[in-house]
ModelCIF file with pLDDT and N, C-alpha, C, O atoms, coordinates in Angstrom:
data_MODEL
#
_entry.id   MODEL 
#
_entity.id                         1 
_entity.type                       polymer 
_entity.pdbx_number_of_molecules   1 
#
_entity_poly.entity_id                      1 
_entity_poly.type                           'polypeptide(L)' 
_entity_poly.nstd_linkage                   no 
_entity_poly.nstd_monomer                   no 
_entity_poly.pdbx_seq_one_letter_code       
;(UNK)(UNK)(UNK)(UNK)(UNK)(UNK)(UNK)(UNK)(UNK)(UNK)(UNK)(UNK)(UNK)(UNK)(UNK)(UNK)
(UNK)(UNK)(UNK)(UNK)(UNK)(UNK)(UNK)(UNK)(UNK)(UNK)(UNK)(UNK)(UNK)(UNK)(UNK)
;
_entity_poly.pdbx_seq_one_letter_code_can   XXXXXXXXXXXXXXXXXXXXXXXXXXXXXXX 
_entity_poly.pdbx_strand_id                 A 
#
loop_
_entity_poly_seq.entity_id 
_entity_poly_seq.num 
_entity_poly_seq.mon_id 
_entity_poly_seq.hetero 
1 1  UNK n 
1 2  UNK n 
1 3  UNK n 
1 4  UNK n 
1 5  UNK n 
1 6  UNK n 
1 7  UNK n 
1 8  UNK n 
1 9  UNK n 
1 10 UNK n 
1 11 UNK n 
1 12 UNK n 
1 13 UNK n 
1 14 UNK n 
1 15 UNK n 
1 16 UNK n 
1 17 UNK n 
1 18 UNK n 
1 19 UNK n 
1 20 UNK n 
1 21 UNK n 
1 22 UNK n 
1 23 UNK n 
1 24 UNK n 
1 25 UNK n 
1 26 UNK n 
1 27 UNK n 
1 28 UNK n 
1 29 UNK n 
1 30 UNK n 
1 31 UNK n 
#
_struct_asym.id          A 
_struct_asym.entity_id   1 
#
loop_
_ma_qa_metric.id 
_ma_qa_metric.mode 
_ma_qa_metric.name 
_ma_qa_metric.software_group_id 
_ma_qa_metric.type 
1 global pLDDT . pLDDT 
2 local  pLDDT . pLDDT 
#
_ma_qa_metric_global.metric_id      1 
_ma_qa_metric_global.metric_value   96.00 
_ma_qa_metric_global.model_id       1 
_ma_qa_metric_global.ordinal_id     1 
#
loop_
_ma_qa_metric_local.label_asym_id 
_ma_qa_metric_local.label_comp_id 
_ma_qa_metric_local.label_seq_id 
_ma_qa_metric_local.metric_id 
_ma_qa_metric_local.metric_value 
_ma_qa_metric_local.model_id 
_ma_qa_metric_local.ordinal_id 
A UNK 1  2 89.00 1 1  
A UNK 2  2 87.00 1 2  
A UNK 3  2 93.00 1 3  
A UNK 4  2 92.00 1 4  
A UNK 5  2 92.00 1 5  
A UNK 6  2 94.00 1 6  
A UNK 7  2 96.00 1 7  
A UNK 8  2 96.00 1 8  
A UNK 9  2 97.00 1 9  
A UNK 10 2 97.00 1 10 
A UNK 11 2 97.00 1 11 
A UNK 12 2 98.00 1 12 
A UNK 13 2 97.00 1 13 
A UNK 14 2 94.00 1 14 
A UNK 15 2 97.00 1 15 
A UNK 16 2 97.00 1 16 
A UNK 17 2 96.00 1 17 
A UNK 18 2 97.00 1 18 
A UNK 19 2 97.00 1 19 
A UNK 20 2 98.00 1 20 
A UNK 21 2 98.00 1 21 
A UNK 22 2 98.00 1 22 
A UNK 23 2 98.00 1 23 
A UNK 24 2 98.00 1 24 
A UNK 25 2 98.00 1 25 
A UNK 26 2 98.00 1 26 
A UNK 27 2 97.00 1 27 
A UNK 28 2 98.00 1 28 
A UNK 29 2 98.00 1 29 
A UNK 30 2 97.00 1 30 
A UNK 31 2 97.00 1 31 
#
loop_
_atom_site.group_PDB 
_atom_site.id 
_atom_site.type_symbol 
_atom_site.label_atom_id 
_atom_site.label_alt_id 
_atom_site.label_comp_id 
_atom_site.label_asym_id 
_atom_site.label_entity_id 
_atom_site.label_seq_id 
_atom_site.pdbx_PDB_ins_code 
_atom_site.Cartn_x 
_atom_site.Cartn_y 
_atom_site.Cartn_z 
_atom_site.occupancy 
_atom_site.B_iso_or_equiv 
_atom_site.pdbx_formal_charge 
_atom_site.auth_seq_id 
_atom_site.auth_comp_id 
_atom_site.auth_asym_id 
_atom_site.auth_atom_id 
_atom_site.pdbx_PDB_model_num 
ATOM 1   N N  . UNK A 1 1  ? 24.695 299.594 -10.131 1.00 89.00 ? 1  UNK A N  1 
ATOM 2   C CA . UNK A 1 1  ? 23.775 299.841 -11.272 1.00 89.00 ? 1  UNK A CA 1 
ATOM 3   C C  . UNK A 1 1  ? 22.911 300.990 -11.129 1.00 89.00 ? 1  UNK A C  1 
ATOM 4   O O  . UNK A 1 1  ? 22.455 301.487 -12.159 1.00 89.00 ? 1  UNK A O  1 
ATOM 5   N N  . UNK A 1 2  ? 22.592 301.531 -9.905  1.00 87.00 ? 2  UNK A N  1 
ATOM 6   C CA . UNK A 1 2  ? 21.732 302.546 -9.765  1.00 87.00 ? 2  UNK A CA 1 
ATOM 7   C C  . UNK A 1 2  ? 22.486 303.894 -9.858  1.00 87.00 ? 2  UNK A C  1 
ATOM 8   O O  . UNK A 1 2  ? 21.831 304.934 -9.932  1.00 87.00 ? 2  UNK A O  1 
ATOM 9   N N  . UNK A 1 3  ? 23.779 303.914 -9.857  1.00 93.00 ? 3  UNK A N  1 
ATOM 10  C CA . UNK A 1 3  ? 24.660 305.100 -9.981  1.00 93.00 ? 3  UNK A CA 1 
ATOM 11  C C  . UNK A 1 3  ? 24.513 305.567 -11.492 1.00 93.00 ? 3  UNK A C  1 
ATOM 12  O O  . UNK A 1 3  ? 24.772 304.712 -12.340 1.00 93.00 ? 3  UNK A O  1 
ATOM 13  N N  . UNK A 1 4  ? 24.156 306.730 -11.890 1.00 92.00 ? 4  UNK A N  1 
ATOM 14  C CA . UNK A 1 4  ? 24.076 307.146 -13.253 1.00 92.00 ? 4  UNK A CA 1 
ATOM 15  C C  . UNK A 1 4  ? 25.487 306.898 -14.077 1.00 92.00 ? 4  UNK A C  1 
ATOM 16  O O  . UNK A 1 4  ? 26.580 307.216 -13.610 1.00 92.00 ? 4  UNK A O  1 
ATOM 17  N N  . UNK A 1 5  ? 25.323 306.350 -15.231 1.00 92.00 ? 5  UNK A N  1 
ATOM 18  C CA . UNK A 1 5  ? 26.537 306.035 -15.985 1.00 92.00 ? 5  UNK A CA 1 
ATOM 19  C C  . UNK A 1 5  ? 27.417 307.270 -16.273 1.00 92.00 ? 5  UNK A C  1 
ATOM 20  O O  . UNK A 1 5  ? 28.629 307.174 -16.467 1.00 92.00 ? 5  UNK A O  1 
ATOM 21  N N  . UNK A 1 6  ? 26.709 308.483 -16.290 1.00 94.00 ? 6  UNK A N  1 
ATOM 22  C CA . UNK A 1 6  ? 27.476 309.778 -16.616 1.00 94.00 ? 6  UNK A CA 1 
ATOM 23  C C  . UNK A 1 6  ? 28.324 310.205 -15.488 1.00 94.00 ? 6  UNK A C  1 
ATOM 24  O O  . UNK A 1 6  ? 29.155 311.090 -15.693 1.00 94.00 ? 6  UNK A O  1 
ATOM 25  N N  . UNK A 1 7  ? 28.201 309.646 -14.251 1.00 96.00 ? 7  UNK A N  1 
ATOM 26  C CA . UNK A 1 7  ? 29.030 310.123 -13.146 1.00 96.00 ? 7  UNK A CA 1 
ATOM 27  C C  . UNK A 1 7  ? 30.368 309.462 -13.147 1.00 96.00 ? 7  UNK A C  1 
ATOM 28  O O  . UNK A 1 7  ? 30.563 308.268 -13.374 1.00 96.00 ? 7  UNK A O  1 
ATOM 29  N N  . UNK A 1 8  ? 31.319 310.413 -12.855 1.00 96.00 ? 8  UNK A N  1 
ATOM 30  C CA . UNK A 1 8  ? 32.782 309.921 -12.620 1.00 96.00 ? 8  UNK A CA 1 
ATOM 31  C C  . UNK A 1 8  ? 32.759 309.151 -11.309 1.00 96.00 ? 8  UNK A C  1 
ATOM 32  O O  . UNK A 1 8  ? 32.389 309.715 -10.279 1.00 96.00 ? 8  UNK A O  1 
ATOM 33  N N  . UNK A 1 9  ? 33.138 307.893 -11.317 1.00 97.00 ? 9  UNK A N  1 
ATOM 34  C CA . UNK A 1 9  ? 33.056 307.015 -10.131 1.00 97.00 ? 9  UNK A CA 1 
ATOM 35  C C  . UNK A 1 9  ? 34.406 306.467 -9.710  1.00 97.00 ? 9  UNK A C  1 
ATOM 36  O O  . UNK A 1 9  ? 35.303 306.241 -10.522 1.00 97.00 ? 9  UNK A O  1 
ATOM 37  N N  . UNK A 1 10 ? 34.516 306.253 -8.332  1.00 97.00 ? 10 UNK A N  1 
ATOM 38  C CA . UNK A 1 10 ? 35.745 305.593 -7.790  1.00 97.00 ? 10 UNK A CA 1 
ATOM 39  C C  . UNK A 1 10 ? 35.178 304.717 -6.736  1.00 97.00 ? 10 UNK A C  1 
ATOM 40  O O  . UNK A 1 10 ? 34.341 305.110 -5.924  1.00 97.00 ? 10 UNK A O  1 
ATOM 41  N N  . UNK A 1 11 ? 35.709 303.404 -6.780  1.00 97.00 ? 11 UNK A N  1 
ATOM 42  C CA . UNK A 1 11 ? 35.229 302.446 -5.800  1.00 97.00 ? 11 UNK A CA 1 
ATOM 43  C C  . UNK A 1 11 ? 36.268 302.193 -4.715  1.00 97.00 ? 11 UNK A C  1 
ATOM 44  O O  . UNK A 1 11 ? 37.442 301.961 -5.004  1.00 97.00 ? 11 UNK A O  1 
ATOM 45  N N  . UNK A 1 12 ? 35.837 302.240 -3.512  1.00 98.00 ? 12 UNK A N  1 
ATOM 46  C CA . UNK A 1 12 ? 36.735 301.844 -2.379  1.00 98.00 ? 12 UNK A CA 1 
ATOM 47  C C  . UNK A 1 12 ? 36.894 300.407 -2.194  1.00 98.00 ? 12 UNK A C  1 
ATOM 48  O O  . UNK A 1 12 ? 35.897 299.702 -2.042  1.00 98.00 ? 12 UNK A O  1 
ATOM 49  N N  . UNK A 1 13 ? 38.011 299.942 -2.196  1.00 97.00 ? 13 UNK A N  1 
ATOM 50  C CA . UNK A 1 13 ? 38.170 298.424 -2.026  1.00 97.00 ? 13 UNK A CA 1 
ATOM 51  C C  . UNK A 1 13 ? 37.550 297.851 -0.820  1.00 97.00 ? 13 UNK A C  1 
ATOM 52  O O  . UNK A 1 13 ? 37.674 298.431 0.259   1.00 97.00 ? 13 UNK A O  1 
ATOM 53  N N  . UNK A 1 14 ? 36.874 296.723 -0.931  1.00 94.00 ? 14 UNK A N  1 
ATOM 54  C CA . UNK A 1 14 ? 36.132 296.141 0.170   1.00 94.00 ? 14 UNK A CA 1 
ATOM 55  C C  . UNK A 1 14 ? 36.979 295.902 1.380   1.00 94.00 ? 14 UNK A C  1 
ATOM 56  O O  . UNK A 1 14 ? 36.461 295.884 2.496   1.00 94.00 ? 14 UNK A O  1 
ATOM 57  N N  . UNK A 1 15 ? 38.281 295.716 1.199   1.00 97.00 ? 15 UNK A N  1 
ATOM 58  C CA . UNK A 1 15 ? 39.071 295.317 2.337   1.00 97.00 ? 15 UNK A CA 1 
ATOM 59  C C  . UNK A 1 15 ? 39.479 296.744 3.165   1.00 97.00 ? 15 UNK A C  1 
ATOM 60  O O  . UNK A 1 15 ? 40.141 296.692 4.202   1.00 97.00 ? 15 UNK A O  1 
ATOM 61  N N  . UNK A 1 16 ? 39.076 297.832 2.669   1.00 97.00 ? 16 UNK A N  1 
ATOM 62  C CA . UNK A 1 16 ? 39.271 299.062 3.356   1.00 97.00 ? 16 UNK A CA 1 
ATOM 63  C C  . UNK A 1 16 ? 38.105 299.262 4.402   1.00 97.00 ? 16 UNK A C  1 
ATOM 64  O O  . UNK A 1 16 ? 36.936 299.437 4.057   1.00 97.00 ? 16 UNK A O  1 
ATOM 65  N N  . UNK A 1 17 ? 38.524 299.221 5.681   1.00 96.00 ? 17 UNK A N  1 
ATOM 66  C CA . UNK A 1 17 ? 37.463 299.458 6.734   1.00 96.00 ? 17 UNK A CA 1 
ATOM 67  C C  . UNK A 1 17 ? 37.094 300.918 6.832   1.00 96.00 ? 17 UNK A C  1 
ATOM 68  O O  . UNK A 1 17 ? 37.771 301.780 6.271   1.00 96.00 ? 17 UNK A O  1 
ATOM 69  N N  . UNK A 1 18 ? 36.015 301.197 7.547   1.00 97.00 ? 18 UNK A N  1 
ATOM 70  C CA . UNK A 1 18 ? 35.591 302.572 7.820   1.00 97.00 ? 18 UNK A CA 1 
ATOM 71  C C  . UNK A 1 18 ? 36.747 303.322 8.659   1.00 97.00 ? 18 UNK A C  1 
ATOM 72  O O  . UNK A 1 18 ? 36.912 304.532 8.505   1.00 97.00 ? 18 UNK A O  1 
ATOM 73  N N  . UNK A 1 19 ? 37.509 302.603 9.514   1.00 97.00 ? 19 UNK A N  1 
ATOM 74  C CA . UNK A 1 19 ? 38.493 303.291 10.266  1.00 97.00 ? 19 UNK A CA 1 
ATOM 75  C C  . UNK A 1 19 ? 39.713 303.593 9.366   1.00 97.00 ? 19 UNK A C  1 
ATOM 76  O O  . UNK A 1 19 ? 40.467 304.531 9.624   1.00 97.00 ? 19 UNK A O  1 
ATOM 77  N N  . UNK A 1 20 ? 39.893 302.761 8.280   1.00 98.00 ? 20 UNK A N  1 
ATOM 78  C CA . UNK A 1 20 ? 41.075 303.002 7.437   1.00 98.00 ? 20 UNK A CA 1 
ATOM 79  C C  . UNK A 1 20 ? 40.633 303.970 6.333   1.00 98.00 ? 20 UNK A C  1 
ATOM 80  O O  . UNK A 1 20 ? 41.499 304.487 5.627   1.00 98.00 ? 20 UNK A O  1 
ATOM 81  N N  . UNK A 1 21 ? 39.342 304.242 6.143   1.00 98.00 ? 21 UNK A N  1 
ATOM 82  C CA . UNK A 1 21 ? 38.952 305.111 5.060   1.00 98.00 ? 21 UNK A CA 1 
ATOM 83  C C  . UNK A 1 21 ? 39.542 306.536 4.995   1.00 98.00 ? 21 UNK A C  1 
ATOM 84  O O  . UNK A 1 21 ? 40.062 306.939 3.954   1.00 98.00 ? 21 UNK A O  1 
ATOM 85  N N  . UNK A 1 22 ? 39.465 307.280 6.075   1.00 98.00 ? 22 UNK A N  1 
ATOM 86  C CA . UNK A 1 22 ? 40.120 308.600 6.001   1.00 98.00 ? 22 UNK A CA 1 
ATOM 87  C C  . UNK A 1 22 ? 41.466 308.597 5.467   1.00 98.00 ? 22 UNK A C  1 
ATOM 88  O O  . UNK A 1 22 ? 41.778 309.478 4.667   1.00 98.00 ? 22 UNK A O  1 
ATOM 89  N N  . UNK A 1 23 ? 42.395 307.609 5.855   1.00 98.00 ? 23 UNK A N  1 
ATOM 90  C CA . UNK A 1 23 ? 43.710 307.568 5.395   1.00 98.00 ? 23 UNK A CA 1 
ATOM 91  C C  . UNK A 1 23 ? 43.718 307.247 3.842   1.00 98.00 ? 23 UNK A C  1 
ATOM 92  O O  . UNK A 1 23 ? 44.436 307.848 3.044   1.00 98.00 ? 23 UNK A O  1 
ATOM 93  N N  . UNK A 1 24 ? 42.915 306.321 3.533   1.00 98.00 ? 24 UNK A N  1 
ATOM 94  C CA . UNK A 1 24 ? 42.815 305.883 2.046   1.00 98.00 ? 24 UNK A CA 1 
ATOM 95  C C  . UNK A 1 24 ? 42.351 307.106 1.249   1.00 98.00 ? 24 UNK A C  1 
ATOM 96  O O  . UNK A 1 24 ? 42.957 307.394 0.217   1.00 98.00 ? 24 UNK A O  1 
ATOM 97  N N  . UNK A 1 25 ? 41.376 307.797 1.638   1.00 98.00 ? 25 UNK A N  1 
ATOM 98  C CA . UNK A 1 25 ? 40.919 309.017 1.023   1.00 98.00 ? 25 UNK A CA 1 
ATOM 99  C C  . UNK A 1 25 ? 42.056 310.019 0.781   1.00 98.00 ? 25 UNK A C  1 
ATOM 100 O O  . UNK A 1 25 ? 42.252 310.519 -0.327  1.00 98.00 ? 25 UNK A O  1 
ATOM 101 N N  . UNK A 1 26 ? 42.813 310.298 1.892   1.00 98.00 ? 26 UNK A N  1 
ATOM 102 C CA . UNK A 1 26 ? 43.835 311.287 1.793   1.00 98.00 ? 26 UNK A CA 1 
ATOM 103 C C  . UNK A 1 26 ? 45.052 310.790 0.973   1.00 98.00 ? 26 UNK A C  1 
ATOM 104 O O  . UNK A 1 26 ? 45.865 311.632 0.591   1.00 98.00 ? 26 UNK A O  1 
ATOM 105 N N  . UNK A 1 27 ? 45.215 309.613 0.707   1.00 97.00 ? 27 UNK A N  1 
ATOM 106 C CA . UNK A 1 27 ? 46.236 309.014 -0.140  1.00 97.00 ? 27 UNK A CA 1 
ATOM 107 C C  . UNK A 1 27 ? 45.793 309.160 -1.657  1.00 97.00 ? 27 UNK A C  1 
ATOM 108 O O  . UNK A 1 27 ? 46.625 309.206 -2.562  1.00 97.00 ? 27 UNK A O  1 
ATOM 109 N N  . UNK A 1 28 ? 44.473 309.228 -1.865  1.00 98.00 ? 28 UNK A N  1 
ATOM 110 C CA . UNK A 1 28 ? 43.995 309.179 -3.241  1.00 98.00 ? 28 UNK A CA 1 
ATOM 111 C C  . UNK A 1 28 ? 43.431 310.518 -3.682  1.00 98.00 ? 28 UNK A C  1 
ATOM 112 O O  . UNK A 1 28 ? 43.376 310.784 -4.882  1.00 98.00 ? 28 UNK A O  1 
ATOM 113 N N  . UNK A 1 29 ? 43.023 311.343 -2.787  1.00 98.00 ? 29 UNK A N  1 
ATOM 114 C CA . UNK A 1 29 ? 42.421 312.687 -3.135  1.00 98.00 ? 29 UNK A CA 1 
ATOM 115 C C  . UNK A 1 29 ? 43.068 313.779 -2.254  1.00 98.00 ? 29 UNK A C  1 
ATOM 116 O O  . UNK A 1 29 ? 42.961 313.659 -1.034  1.00 98.00 ? 29 UNK A O  1 
ATOM 117 N N  . UNK A 1 30 ? 43.679 314.754 -2.733  1.00 97.00 ? 30 UNK A N  1 
ATOM 118 C CA . UNK A 1 30 ? 44.418 315.698 -1.856  1.00 97.00 ? 30 UNK A CA 1 
ATOM 119 C C  . UNK A 1 30 ? 43.311 316.524 -1.113  1.00 97.00 ? 30 UNK A C  1 
ATOM 120 O O  . UNK A 1 30 ? 42.333 316.975 -1.710  1.00 97.00 ? 30 UNK A O  1 
ATOM 121 N N  . UNK A 1 31 ? 43.524 316.691 0.206   1.00 97.00 ? 31 UNK A N  1 
ATOM 122 C CA . UNK A 1 31 ? 42.522 317.433 1.036   1.00 97.00 ? 31 UNK A CA 1 
ATOM 123 C C  . UNK A 1 31 ? 42.465 318.872 0.685   1.00 97.00 ? 31 UNK A C  1 
ATOM 124 O O  . UNK A 1 31 ? 41.689 319.623 1.277   1.00 97.00 ? 31 UNK A O  1 
#
């Protein structure tokens, strides 16, 4: 709720751990 409504937002699924996150990012956003 604190994130401005005008921002384009993407939510990382809660089952994605911090160790898994770099791989998840690379699969969703081209480096």
